[in-house]
Amino acid sequence: MAQSKYDEAEANYLRALAITEGALGPTHPQVGLILHNLAEAYRAQDKFAKAKPTYQRALQITVKTLGPDHPNVATILNNQAELYRAHGKYAEAEANYKRALAINKKTLGSKHPQFGLILNNLGSLYRNQGKDTEAETYYLRALKINEEALGSKHPQVGLILNNLAELYKAQGKYAEAEANYQRALAIYQDAYGPTHPQIRLILHNLGEVNRAQGKYAQAKPSFQRALKITEQLYGPDHPEVAIALNNLALLYQNQGKFAKAEPLYQRALQITEQALGPDHPNVATVLNNRGALYRNLGKVMEAEAYYRRALAIHEEALDPTHPQIGLTVNNLAELYETQGKYAEAEPLYQRSYEIMRERLGLEHPHTKTIFSNYLELLEKSGQKDKARHLSDEYQQALRTQSPP
């Protein structure tokens, strides 16, 4: 939806709210419904400061008038949790999701698609936190419920398939990820046409899978089409546009087209900071990628500053063993290594490897790459015995976890 449409919707909700409060009083259930719709409009525009109190007032009215276990209460809790999750407030999000889940289980049953949708959202919360085992469990359970309740081609099934594919992509399971993305894309295009918001999301994700595998020619049109759809839907200054810009910039960076990447990163950073604030995890993502760009250009001081700011944001917002922290720490270690600062690089590589080994496993591409970086540094710094010992330990661990 273009920004003008959001402005129009917001104005209409505010007018309806004033009329309804005047006619029915400030605590009527209809007032609660309008407040919830207004909060949804604010959330769609990432207006956290306005959305949060509006959700809370809607929740208070709905609990008071309909009771604490009404399905409408669960809906508000779920949507408020989505707001919290989008802004990195994971503890608040989890509490709201679980309360909503308990209400729906009691009132609708554990096979209802709305129950499945909240399971999906909890899966996304855990994926955001790097809790992959929990995320996959919730996604697969949600997928089964929704396929049985709604059919295999329902858009809500497409949503869960996309999220499951995202999880597999992050784990380096690219074939599984691409298959789920393609299935989700077919569902959405059949249901909504070629420019629906979910289409641009899946195009982003398909582009990411192809980029991760070095299939740049296939990735570029997906990213470009996604950016075009996103700007048409939300206007040029929406955080979703920043994500699309960041993805396209990263593709150009991977191709060595640094002059094309830099202005896209700059625009993405400006949009994200203005819309979400300077300490949001999305800001850290752009900072990390921009740091890599400057490292490629030989601008080591600028690169270090971006990496360190990104790391500080991630450490504040995420679990200390989140894979994104591991990636940023690895990037900082690589920067020090290129400057011959082996003593500074070594503990960072060690920390990064330990995070990836714990959270992603020994066979994940990120773990393998970072471990290789770590061993190479040890060799360069004259610690060949330590490198050999670690390599033997790694191989033994692989044999232990592999079936005979």
Protein backbone atom coordinates (compact mmCIF):
# COMPACT_ATOMS: atom_id res chain seq x y z
CA MET A 1 0.00 0.00 0.00
CA ALA A 2 1.36 3.43 -0.95
CA GLN A 3 1.95 5.91 1.87
CA SER A 4 -0.98 8.04 0.74
CA LYS A 5 -3.29 5.06 1.26
CA TYR A 6 -1.93 4.55 4.77
CA ASP A 7 -2.48 8.22 5.53
CA GLU A 8 -6.03 7.95 4.23
CA ALA A 9 -6.73 4.80 6.25
CA GLU A 10 -5.28 6.36 9.38
CA ALA A 11 -7.43 9.49 8.96
CA ASN A 12 -10.56 7.38 8.41
CA TYR A 13 -9.90 5.26 11.50
CA LEU A 14 -9.32 8.37 13.62
CA ARG A 15 -12.56 9.91 12.38
CA ALA A 16 -14.47 6.68 13.01
CA LEU A 17 -12.94 6.48 16.47
CA ALA A 18 -14.08 9.98 17.38
CA ILE A 19 -17.62 9.35 16.13
CA THR A 20 -17.93 5.97 17.85
CA GLU A 21 -16.56 7.22 21.17
CA GLY A 22 -19.01 10.11 21.06
CA ALA A 23 -21.96 7.89 20.28
CA LEU A 24 -21.20 4.74 22.30
CA GLY A 25 -18.67 5.81 24.92
CA PRO A 26 -14.92 5.26 25.21
CA THR A 27 -15.08 1.61 26.38
CA HIS A 28 -17.55 0.13 23.90
CA PRO A 29 -16.38 -3.03 22.08
CA GLN A 30 -16.66 -1.22 18.74
CA VAL A 31 -14.17 1.35 20.03
CA GLY A 32 -11.78 -1.48 20.81
CA LEU A 33 -12.18 -2.86 17.28
CA ILE A 34 -11.43 0.51 15.67
CA LEU A 35 -8.42 1.02 17.94
CA HIS A 36 -7.07 -2.36 16.90
CA ASN A 37 -7.48 -1.46 13.22
CA LEU A 38 -5.75 1.87 13.83
CA ALA A 39 -2.89 0.09 15.60
CA GLU A 40 -2.56 -2.23 12.59
CA ALA A 41 -2.28 0.79 10.32
CA TYR A 42 0.45 2.22 12.55
CA ARG A 43 2.28 -1.12 12.59
CA ALA A 44 2.18 -1.34 8.82
CA GLN A 45 3.99 2.00 8.73
CA ASP A 46 6.46 0.99 11.50
CA LYS A 47 5.12 3.72 13.79
CA PHE A 48 6.01 1.86 16.97
CA ALA A 49 5.45 4.80 19.34
CA LYS A 50 1.87 5.19 18.10
CA ALA A 51 1.07 1.51 17.57
CA LYS A 52 2.04 0.28 21.05
CA PRO A 53 -0.34 2.42 23.17
CA THR A 54 -3.11 1.95 20.62
CA TYR A 55 -2.81 -1.84 20.83
CA GLN A 56 -2.73 -1.63 24.62
CA ARG A 57 -5.89 0.46 24.82
CA ALA A 58 -7.65 -1.87 22.35
CA LEU A 59 -6.58 -4.84 24.47
CA GLN A 60 -7.84 -3.28 27.72
CA ILE A 61 -11.25 -2.52 26.22
CA THR A 62 -11.61 -5.94 24.59
CA VAL A 63 -10.62 -7.84 27.75
CA LYS A 64 -13.05 -5.78 29.82
CA THR A 65 -16.00 -6.09 27.45
CA LEU A 66 -15.56 -9.56 25.92
CA GLY A 67 -13.54 -11.35 28.59
CA PRO A 68 -9.86 -12.35 28.83
CA ASP A 69 -10.29 -15.57 26.82
CA HIS A 70 -12.15 -14.20 23.80
CA PRO A 71 -10.57 -14.93 20.38
CA ASN A 72 -10.47 -11.19 19.68
CA VAL A 73 -8.12 -10.81 22.66
CA ALA A 74 -5.82 -13.43 21.13
CA THR A 75 -5.84 -11.57 17.81
CA ILE A 76 -4.76 -8.32 19.43
CA LEU A 77 -2.07 -10.10 21.45
CA ASN A 78 -0.71 -11.80 18.33
CA ASN A 79 -0.56 -8.56 16.37
CA GLN A 80 1.02 -6.69 19.26
CA ALA A 81 3.60 -9.48 19.44
CA GLU A 82 4.32 -8.99 15.73
CA LEU A 83 5.01 -5.32 16.47
CA TYR A 84 7.41 -6.24 19.29
CA ARG A 85 9.18 -8.86 17.18
CA ALA A 86 9.69 -6.44 14.30
CA HIS A 87 11.40 -4.04 16.70
CA GLY A 88 13.64 -6.62 18.35
CA LYS A 89 11.68 -6.78 21.62
CA TYR A 90 11.74 -10.55 21.73
CA ALA A 91 10.82 -11.19 25.37
CA GLU A 92 7.67 -9.07 25.08
CA ALA A 93 6.79 -10.72 21.78
CA GLU A 94 7.12 -14.25 23.17
CA ALA A 95 4.91 -13.48 26.17
CA ASN A 96 2.17 -12.09 23.91
CA TYR A 97 2.36 -14.98 21.43
CA LYS A 98 2.13 -17.58 24.19
CA ARG A 99 -0.81 -15.86 25.83
CA ALA A 100 -2.58 -15.69 22.45
CA LEU A 101 -1.79 -19.34 21.80
CA ALA A 102 -3.27 -20.41 25.14
CA ILE A 103 -6.48 -18.47 24.44
CA ASN A 104 -6.92 -19.94 20.98
CA LYS A 105 -6.22 -23.47 22.17
CA LYS A 106 -8.93 -23.05 24.81
CA THR A 107 -11.53 -21.40 22.58
CA LEU A 108 -10.83 -22.64 19.04
CA GLY A 109 -8.86 -25.83 19.53
CA SER A 110 -5.35 -26.88 18.55
CA LYS A 111 -6.31 -27.78 14.96
CA HIS A 112 -7.74 -24.37 14.08
CA PRO A 113 -5.80 -22.41 11.42
CA GLN A 114 -5.57 -19.38 13.69
CA PHE A 115 -3.82 -21.53 16.27
CA GLY A 116 -1.49 -22.67 13.48
CA LEU A 117 -0.80 -19.07 12.46
CA ILE A 118 0.37 -18.16 15.94
CA LEU A 119 2.60 -21.25 15.98
CA ASN A 120 4.10 -19.94 12.74
CA ASN A 121 4.70 -16.53 14.28
CA LEU A 122 6.38 -18.10 17.31
CA GLY A 123 8.56 -20.04 14.89
CA SER A 124 9.61 -16.76 13.29
CA LEU A 125 10.41 -15.30 16.69
CA TYR A 126 12.68 -18.23 17.49
CA ARG A 127 14.29 -17.99 14.06
CA ASN A 128 15.02 -14.32 14.70
CA GLN A 129 16.78 -15.38 17.90
CA GLY A 130 18.77 -18.13 16.20
CA LYS A 131 16.84 -20.92 17.95
CA ASP A 132 16.61 -23.07 14.85
CA THR A 133 15.41 -26.34 16.39
CA GLU A 134 12.47 -24.64 18.08
CA ALA A 135 11.71 -22.64 14.94
CA GLU A 136 11.54 -25.71 12.68
CA THR A 137 9.34 -27.56 15.17
CA TYR A 138 6.81 -24.72 15.27
CA TYR A 139 6.86 -24.17 11.51
CA LEU A 140 6.28 -27.84 10.68
CA ARG A 141 3.47 -28.09 13.22
CA ALA A 142 1.87 -24.93 11.82
CA LEU A 143 2.22 -26.23 8.25
CA LYS A 144 0.48 -29.50 9.07
CA ILE A 145 -2.41 -27.75 10.83
CA ASN A 146 -2.98 -25.28 8.01
CA GLU A 147 -2.69 -27.79 5.18
CA GLU A 148 -5.25 -30.01 6.90
CA ALA A 149 -7.60 -27.14 7.73
CA LEU A 150 -7.28 -24.93 4.64
CA GLY A 151 -5.83 -27.07 1.85
CA SER A 152 -2.35 -27.21 0.32
CA LYS A 153 -2.81 -24.13 -1.90
CA HIS A 154 -4.10 -21.65 0.66
CA PRO A 155 -2.09 -18.42 1.03
CA GLN A 156 -1.55 -19.08 4.74
CA VAL A 157 0.18 -22.32 3.74
CA GLY A 158 2.34 -20.23 1.40
CA LEU A 159 3.31 -17.97 4.29
CA ILE A 160 4.52 -20.88 6.40
CA LEU A 161 6.37 -22.47 3.47
CA ASN A 162 8.20 -19.19 2.92
CA ASN A 163 9.20 -19.00 6.58
CA LEU A 164 10.34 -22.62 6.62
CA ALA A 165 12.40 -21.91 3.50
CA GLU A 166 13.97 -18.93 5.25
CA LEU A 167 15.05 -21.19 8.09
CA TYR A 168 16.56 -23.72 5.69
CA LYS A 169 18.36 -20.96 3.80
CA ALA A 170 19.94 -19.73 7.01
CA GLN A 171 21.08 -23.29 7.73
CA GLY A 172 22.67 -23.62 4.29
CA LYS A 173 20.06 -26.14 3.14
CA TYR A 174 19.64 -24.38 -0.19
CA ALA A 175 17.87 -27.12 -2.14
CA GLU A 176 15.18 -27.46 0.57
CA ALA A 177 14.90 -23.68 0.79
CA GLU A 178 14.47 -23.16 -2.94
CA ALA A 179 11.82 -25.90 -3.21
CA ASN A 180 9.75 -24.30 -0.44
CA TYR A 181 10.16 -20.81 -1.92
CA GLN A 182 9.05 -21.97 -5.36
CA ARG A 183 5.99 -23.67 -3.91
CA ALA A 184 5.12 -20.56 -1.88
CA LEU A 185 5.61 -18.32 -4.93
CA ALA A 186 3.24 -20.44 -7.03
CA ILE A 187 0.59 -20.32 -4.29
CA TYR A 188 0.74 -16.53 -3.99
CA GLN A 189 0.82 -15.80 -7.71
CA ASP A 190 -2.23 -18.02 -8.24
CA ALA A 191 -4.07 -16.41 -5.35
CA TYR A 192 -3.13 -12.74 -5.67
CA GLY A 193 -1.38 -11.98 -8.94
CA PRO A 194 2.20 -10.86 -9.66
CA THR A 195 2.49 -7.72 -7.48
CA HIS A 196 1.14 -8.80 -4.09
CA PRO A 197 3.30 -7.93 -1.03
CA GLN A 198 4.05 -11.60 -0.42
CA ILE A 199 5.34 -11.95 -3.99
CA ARG A 200 8.06 -9.37 -3.43
CA LEU A 201 9.01 -11.08 -0.16
CA ILE A 202 9.48 -14.46 -1.81
CA LEU A 203 11.37 -12.85 -4.70
CA HIS A 204 13.76 -11.34 -2.14
CA ASN A 205 14.25 -14.76 -0.63
CA LEU A 206 14.74 -16.58 -3.91
CA GLY A 207 17.32 -13.96 -4.84
CA GLU A 208 19.11 -14.61 -1.55
CA VAL A 209 19.25 -18.36 -2.16
CA ASN A 210 20.69 -17.86 -5.63
CA ARG A 211 23.16 -15.24 -4.40
CA ALA A 212 24.36 -17.52 -1.62
CA GLN A 213 25.11 -20.18 -4.22
CA GLY A 214 26.89 -17.74 -6.53
CA LYS A 215 24.05 -17.79 -9.07
CA TYR A 216 24.22 -14.04 -9.60
CA ALA A 217 22.51 -13.96 -13.00
CA GLN A 218 19.44 -15.66 -11.52
CA ALA A 219 19.51 -13.53 -8.37
CA LYS A 220 19.59 -10.09 -10.00
CA PRO A 221 16.14 -10.11 -11.70
CA SER A 222 14.54 -11.44 -8.52
CA PHE A 223 16.03 -8.61 -6.45
CA GLN A 224 15.18 -5.95 -9.04
CA ARG A 225 11.59 -7.11 -9.40
CA ALA A 226 11.25 -7.26 -5.60
CA LEU A 227 12.56 -3.69 -5.22
CA LYS A 228 10.17 -2.36 -7.86
CA ILE A 229 7.16 -4.03 -6.25
CA THR A 230 8.18 -2.85 -2.76
CA GLU A 231 8.53 0.80 -3.81
CA GLN A 232 5.16 0.65 -5.56
CA LEU A 233 3.50 -0.83 -2.50
CA TYR A 234 5.04 1.21 0.31
CA GLY A 235 6.69 4.29 -1.16
CA PRO A 236 10.42 5.09 -1.32
CA ASP A 237 11.13 5.54 2.42
CA HIS A 238 9.69 2.39 3.97
CA PRO A 239 11.94 -0.07 5.90
CA GLU A 240 10.96 -2.83 3.47
CA VAL A 241 12.47 -0.74 0.67
CA ALA A 242 15.68 -0.53 2.71
CA ILE A 243 15.80 -4.33 2.92
CA ALA A 244 15.36 -4.60 -0.85
CA LEU A 245 18.09 -2.02 -1.43
CA ASN A 246 20.45 -3.82 0.95
CA ASN A 247 19.91 -7.13 -0.84
CA LEU A 248 20.59 -5.65 -4.27
CA ALA A 249 23.66 -3.81 -2.94
CA LEU A 250 25.02 -7.03 -1.47
CA LEU A 251 24.61 -8.75 -4.83
CA TYR A 252 26.59 -5.98 -6.55
CA GLN A 253 29.22 -6.21 -3.83
CA ASN A 254 29.56 -9.95 -4.35
CA GLN A 255 30.10 -9.26 -8.05
CA GLY A 256 32.77 -6.66 -7.29
CA LYS A 257 30.56 -3.80 -8.54
CA PHE A 258 31.37 -1.58 -5.57
CA ALA A 259 30.40 1.72 -7.18
CA LYS A 260 26.86 0.40 -7.70
CA ALA A 261 26.64 -1.04 -4.19
CA GLU A 262 27.71 2.04 -2.16
CA PRO A 263 24.79 4.41 -2.93
CA LEU A 264 22.29 1.61 -2.35
CA TYR A 265 23.77 0.91 1.10
CA GLN A 266 23.74 4.62 1.92
CA ARG A 267 20.08 4.95 1.00
CA ALA A 268 19.18 1.75 2.88
CA LEU A 269 20.95 2.98 6.03
CA GLN A 270 19.24 6.38 5.96
CA ILE A 271 15.79 4.82 5.52
CA THR A 272 16.31 2.24 8.28
CA GLU A 273 17.70 4.66 10.86
CA GLN A 274 14.91 7.16 10.25
CA ALA A 275 12.15 4.56 10.33
CA LEU A 276 13.32 2.15 13.06
CA GLY A 277 15.91 4.08 15.06
CA PRO A 278 19.71 3.83 15.17
CA ASP A 279 19.86 0.71 17.38
CA HIS A 280 17.55 -1.61 15.47
CA PRO A 281 19.00 -4.97 14.27
CA ASN A 282 18.13 -4.02 10.67
CA VAL A 283 20.51 -1.07 11.00
CA ALA A 284 23.24 -3.46 12.11
CA THR A 285 22.68 -5.62 9.02
CA VAL A 286 23.29 -2.69 6.68
CA LEU A 287 26.27 -1.49 8.76
CA ASN A 288 27.85 -4.94 8.61
CA ASN A 289 27.46 -5.17 4.85
CA ARG A 290 28.74 -1.65 4.37
CA GLY A 291 31.74 -2.49 6.53
CA ALA A 292 32.52 -5.38 4.18
CA LEU A 293 32.28 -3.02 1.22
CA TYR A 294 34.81 -0.62 2.75
CA ARG A 295 37.11 -3.52 3.60
CA ASN A 296 37.03 -4.55 -0.05
CA LEU A 297 37.90 -0.98 -0.98
CA GLY A 298 40.84 -0.94 1.46
CA LYS A 299 39.23 1.65 3.76
CA VAL A 300 40.05 -0.23 6.95
CA MET A 301 39.26 2.50 9.48
CA GLU A 302 35.78 3.05 8.08
CA ALA A 303 35.24 -0.71 7.86
CA GLU A 304 36.19 -1.24 11.51
CA ALA A 305 33.88 1.53 12.67
CA TYR A 306 30.91 0.01 10.82
CA TYR A 307 31.67 -3.52 12.04
CA ARG A 308 32.02 -2.41 15.66
CA ARG A 309 28.79 -0.41 15.60
CA ALA A 310 26.97 -3.36 14.01
CA LEU A 311 28.37 -5.71 16.65
CA ALA A 312 27.32 -3.43 19.50
CA ILE A 313 23.74 -3.30 18.17
CA HIS A 314 23.56 -7.07 17.72
CA GLU A 315 25.00 -7.77 21.17
CA GLU A 316 22.38 -5.52 22.75
CA ALA A 317 19.44 -6.94 20.78
CA LEU A 318 20.26 -10.64 20.30
CA ASP A 319 21.20 -13.72 22.27
CA PRO A 320 25.00 -13.76 22.82
CA THR A 321 25.35 -16.88 20.67
CA HIS A 322 23.15 -15.65 17.82
CA PRO A 323 24.68 -16.59 14.43
CA GLN A 324 24.50 -12.96 13.27
CA ILE A 325 26.88 -12.02 16.08
CA GLY A 326 29.18 -14.82 14.93
CA LEU A 327 29.18 -13.49 11.37
CA THR A 328 29.93 -9.93 12.43
CA VAL A 329 32.73 -11.06 14.76
CA ASN A 330 34.21 -13.09 11.89
CA ASN A 331 34.13 -10.05 9.64
CA LEU A 332 35.96 -7.98 12.22
CA ALA A 333 38.55 -10.77 12.61
CA GLU A 334 39.09 -10.86 8.84
CA LEU A 335 39.66 -7.13 8.84
CA TYR A 336 42.33 -7.41 11.53
CA GLU A 337 43.96 -10.33 9.73
CA THR A 338 44.30 -8.35 6.51
CA GLN A 339 46.17 -5.71 8.53
CA GLY A 340 48.49 -8.29 10.07
CA LYS A 341 46.90 -7.83 13.51
CA TYR A 342 46.91 -11.53 14.28
CA ALA A 343 46.72 -11.17 18.06
CA GLU A 344 43.49 -9.15 17.75
CA ALA A 345 42.04 -11.49 15.11
CA GLU A 346 42.62 -14.82 16.87
CA PRO A 347 40.17 -14.49 19.81
CA LEU A 348 37.54 -13.13 17.43
CA TYR A 349 37.86 -16.11 15.09
CA GLN A 350 37.68 -18.43 18.07
CA ARG A 351 34.55 -16.73 19.38
CA SER A 352 32.91 -16.75 15.95
CA TYR A 353 33.71 -20.43 15.37
CA GLU A 354 32.36 -21.44 18.78
CA ILE A 355 29.10 -19.59 18.14
CA MET A 356 28.63 -21.18 14.72
CA ARG A 357 29.57 -24.64 15.92
CA GLU A 358 27.06 -24.42 18.76
CA ARG A 359 24.18 -22.84 16.86
CA LEU A 360 24.54 -24.03 13.26
CA GLY A 361 26.52 -27.25 13.56
CA LEU A 362 29.84 -28.41 12.16
CA GLU A 363 28.62 -28.97 8.60
CA HIS A 364 26.98 -25.60 8.00
CA PRO A 365 28.75 -23.54 5.31
CA HIS A 366 29.28 -20.62 7.71
CA THR A 367 30.86 -22.89 10.31
CA LYS A 368 33.17 -24.46 7.74
CA THR A 369 34.25 -21.10 6.34
CA ILE A 370 34.95 -19.53 9.72
CA PHE A 371 36.83 -22.60 10.95
CA SER A 372 38.96 -22.48 7.81
CA ASN A 373 39.65 -18.79 8.48
CA TYR A 374 40.65 -19.62 12.06
CA LEU A 375 43.05 -22.38 11.01
CA GLU A 376 44.61 -20.20 8.33
CA LEU A 377 45.28 -17.46 10.87
CA LEU A 378 46.90 -19.93 13.27
CA GLU A 379 49.16 -21.15 10.46
CA LYS A 380 50.12 -17.58 9.54
CA SER A 381 50.92 -16.71 13.15
CA GLY A 382 53.21 -19.73 13.59
CA GLN A 383 50.79 -21.83 15.67
CA LYS A 384 50.88 -24.90 13.47
CA ASP A 385 50.58 -27.38 16.33
CA LYS A 386 47.45 -25.68 17.64
CA ALA A 387 45.98 -25.60 14.13
CA ARG A 388 46.69 -29.31 13.65
CA HIS A 389 45.16 -30.15 17.03
CA LEU A 390 41.98 -28.17 16.29
CA SER A 391 41.70 -29.72 12.85
CA ASP A 392 41.96 -33.23 14.35
CA GLU A 393 39.29 -32.34 16.92
CA TYR A 394 37.02 -31.02 14.18
CA GLN A 395 37.37 -34.16 12.06
CA GLN A 396 36.77 -36.38 15.10
CA ALA A 397 33.61 -34.44 15.94
CA LEU A 398 32.38 -34.85 12.36
CA ARG A 399 32.93 -38.62 12.53
CA THR A 400 31.18 -38.82 15.89
CA GLN A 401 28.04 -37.03 14.70
CA SER A 402 27.87 -38.84 11.34
CA PRO A 403 26.00 -42.17 11.05
CA PRO A 404 28.17 -45.25 10.48
